[in-house]
């Protein structure tokens, strides 16, 4: 008997090379539909605005754009900044609900669990204006996993019920 995962693996081999790099990316707006908290953390953080750190000369430099945009050379606004897929891999094949519910399948078709080594592809000593990279410290600025979301929701609920935040008595 052929297992569904084995069939999916065969399908990936057949379809993975198809399309241009831009066609393999879906953009942060699509991720937002299922990952609202993660999107909020990203949008408020440094990665969403990474392209704004470049001056006019650097904007034209492919070497700079490799780390400050999703797809160097893409002139649309769909991929500005460092988006979800820079760390999690191109989402074309794993973004569907039925795939994301099966972590093994999602990883098989391209979902990446970020590790410090991925961050260090851009956050290097050779990069201008980047201080010494400390994953443990800097991760806190962009953490958007389940534990971070639960802490945020708990804090939000506590703030909503806090007497200090209530309307003053007449």
Protein backbone atom coordinates (compact mmCIF):
# COMPACT_ATOMS: atom_id res chain seq x y z
CA UNK A 1 0.00 0.00 0.00
CA UNK A 2 1.27 3.47 -0.85
CA UNK A 3 1.17 5.95 2.02
CA UNK A 4 -0.27 9.43 1.31
CA UNK A 5 2.97 11.05 2.49
CA UNK A 6 4.96 8.93 0.05
CA UNK A 7 2.61 10.04 -2.72
CA UNK A 8 3.06 13.64 -1.68
CA UNK A 9 6.83 13.21 -1.78
CA UNK A 10 6.58 11.95 -5.35
CA UNK A 11 4.38 14.89 -6.26
CA UNK A 12 6.91 17.33 -4.84
CA UNK A 13 9.62 15.82 -7.00
CA UNK A 14 7.40 16.34 -10.03
CA UNK A 15 6.31 19.93 -9.34
CA UNK A 16 9.09 21.50 -7.28
CA UNK A 17 11.27 22.74 -10.15
CA UNK A 18 8.37 24.34 -12.02
CA UNK A 19 7.95 28.10 -12.15
CA UNK A 20 10.13 31.11 -11.62
CA UNK A 21 11.37 31.98 -8.13
CA UNK A 22 8.68 34.67 -7.78
CA UNK A 23 5.99 32.09 -8.50
CA UNK A 24 7.17 30.00 -5.54
CA UNK A 25 6.57 32.86 -3.08
CA UNK A 26 3.15 33.94 -1.86
CA UNK A 27 3.98 37.06 0.19
CA UNK A 28 3.28 38.06 3.78
CA UNK A 29 -0.26 39.24 3.02
CA UNK A 30 -1.27 35.66 2.17
CA UNK A 31 0.36 34.35 5.35
CA UNK A 32 -1.63 36.92 7.34
CA UNK A 33 -4.94 35.22 6.57
CA UNK A 34 -4.03 32.31 8.88
CA UNK A 35 -1.23 33.80 10.99
CA UNK A 36 -2.59 37.15 12.12
CA UNK A 37 -0.49 37.38 15.30
CA UNK A 38 2.72 36.49 13.45
CA UNK A 39 1.89 39.09 10.81
CA UNK A 40 1.39 41.79 13.47
CA UNK A 41 4.75 40.97 15.06
CA UNK A 42 6.43 41.03 11.65
CA UNK A 43 4.75 44.27 10.52
CA UNK A 44 5.83 46.07 13.70
CA UNK A 45 9.36 44.68 13.60
CA UNK A 46 12.60 45.47 11.80
CA UNK A 47 12.24 42.90 9.01
CA UNK A 48 9.13 44.49 7.49
CA UNK A 49 11.04 47.73 7.13
CA UNK A 50 14.44 46.32 6.14
CA UNK A 51 14.21 47.81 2.65
CA UNK A 52 13.89 51.30 4.16
CA UNK A 53 17.40 51.03 5.62
CA UNK A 54 18.90 51.21 2.12
CA UNK A 55 19.95 54.48 0.54
CA UNK A 56 19.39 55.17 -3.18
CA UNK A 57 22.72 53.63 -4.18
CA UNK A 58 22.19 50.50 -2.07
CA UNK A 59 18.69 49.98 -3.47
CA UNK A 60 20.31 49.31 -6.86
CA UNK A 61 22.89 46.92 -5.39
CA UNK A 62 21.80 43.25 -5.72
CA UNK A 63 24.13 42.33 -2.85
CA UNK A 64 22.21 44.64 -0.49
CA UNK A 65 18.83 43.55 -1.82
CA UNK A 66 19.64 39.91 -1.14
CA UNK A 67 19.13 40.59 2.57
CA UNK A 68 16.82 43.61 2.55
CA UNK A 69 14.09 42.33 0.22
CA UNK A 70 12.46 39.00 -0.55
CA UNK A 71 13.28 38.81 -4.23
CA UNK A 72 16.13 41.00 -5.45
CA UNK A 73 15.17 42.45 -8.82
CA UNK A 74 11.43 42.20 -8.20
CA UNK A 75 10.01 45.68 -8.66
CA UNK A 76 6.59 45.05 -7.15
CA UNK A 77 5.68 46.05 -3.61
CA UNK A 78 4.41 42.54 -2.92
CA UNK A 79 7.80 41.37 -1.66
CA UNK A 80 9.27 44.45 0.05
CA UNK A 81 11.21 43.95 3.24
CA UNK A 82 12.24 40.64 4.74
CA UNK A 83 9.03 38.60 4.78
CA UNK A 84 7.86 35.30 6.27
CA UNK A 85 9.25 33.17 3.47
CA UNK A 86 12.79 34.49 3.88
CA UNK A 87 12.95 32.45 7.10
CA UNK A 88 10.25 29.82 6.52
CA UNK A 89 10.94 29.01 2.86
CA UNK A 90 8.84 29.69 -0.27
CA UNK A 91 5.20 29.02 0.61
CA UNK A 92 3.77 27.94 -2.73
CA UNK A 93 3.49 24.30 -1.73
CA UNK A 94 3.01 24.42 2.04
CA UNK A 95 0.63 27.36 2.57
CA UNK A 96 -2.57 25.37 2.07
CA UNK A 97 -4.54 24.49 5.24
CA UNK A 98 -4.46 20.76 4.59
CA UNK A 99 -0.68 20.84 4.28
CA UNK A 100 -0.06 23.07 7.30
CA UNK A 101 -2.13 20.72 9.48
CA UNK A 102 0.41 17.97 8.71
CA UNK A 103 3.76 19.30 9.95
CA UNK A 104 5.70 16.44 8.37
CA UNK A 105 4.13 17.09 4.98
CA UNK A 106 4.60 20.86 5.32
CA UNK A 107 8.32 20.40 6.01
CA UNK A 108 8.59 17.92 3.18
CA UNK A 109 7.27 20.46 0.69
CA UNK A 110 9.38 23.37 1.89
CA UNK A 111 8.37 24.72 5.30
CA UNK A 112 11.50 25.58 7.26
CA UNK A 113 11.78 25.89 11.02
CA UNK A 114 14.15 28.86 11.38
CA UNK A 115 17.48 28.30 13.10
CA UNK A 116 20.27 30.76 13.99
CA UNK A 117 22.24 29.67 10.91
CA UNK A 118 19.53 31.09 8.66
CA UNK A 119 19.66 34.45 10.42
CA UNK A 120 23.41 34.48 10.00
CA UNK A 121 23.06 34.38 6.22
CA UNK A 122 22.36 38.11 6.48
CA UNK A 123 23.30 39.00 10.04
CA UNK A 124 27.05 38.63 9.58
CA UNK A 125 30.08 40.55 10.80
CA UNK A 126 30.69 41.54 7.17
CA UNK A 127 27.34 43.32 6.81
CA UNK A 128 27.53 47.07 7.29
CA UNK A 129 25.74 48.54 10.31
CA UNK A 130 24.92 45.21 11.92
CA UNK A 131 26.08 44.88 15.50
CA UNK A 132 27.35 41.56 16.78
CA UNK A 133 24.52 39.09 16.18
CA UNK A 134 23.18 37.38 19.29
CA UNK A 135 20.31 35.07 18.34
CA UNK A 136 18.95 34.59 21.87
CA UNK A 137 18.66 38.34 22.45
CA UNK A 138 17.44 39.38 19.02
CA UNK A 139 14.96 36.52 18.64
CA UNK A 140 12.86 38.12 21.38
CA UNK A 141 12.25 41.11 19.07
CA UNK A 142 10.65 38.94 16.38
CA UNK A 143 9.38 35.86 18.24
CA UNK A 144 5.94 35.01 16.87
CA UNK A 145 5.53 31.36 17.83
CA UNK A 146 2.68 29.84 19.84
CA UNK A 147 4.25 30.60 23.24
CA UNK A 148 4.73 34.26 22.29
CA UNK A 149 1.16 34.44 21.02
CA UNK A 150 -0.23 32.88 24.21
CA UNK A 151 1.76 35.33 26.36
CA UNK A 152 0.53 38.25 24.24
CA UNK A 153 -3.11 37.09 24.47
CA UNK A 154 -2.81 36.58 28.24
CA UNK A 155 -1.32 40.06 28.68
CA UNK A 156 -4.00 41.57 26.45
CA UNK A 157 -6.77 39.85 28.45
CA UNK A 158 -5.25 41.03 31.74
CA UNK A 159 -5.00 44.59 30.43
CA UNK A 160 -8.62 44.51 29.27
CA UNK A 161 -9.86 43.47 32.75
CA UNK A 162 -7.48 45.69 34.73
CA UNK A 163 -9.26 48.32 36.90
CA UNK A 164 -6.68 50.89 35.82
CA UNK A 165 -7.80 50.44 32.22
CA UNK A 166 -11.51 50.56 33.02
CA UNK A 167 -13.59 53.65 32.46
CA UNK A 168 -13.50 55.97 35.47
CA UNK A 169 -16.50 55.91 37.81
CA UNK A 170 -18.94 58.84 37.41
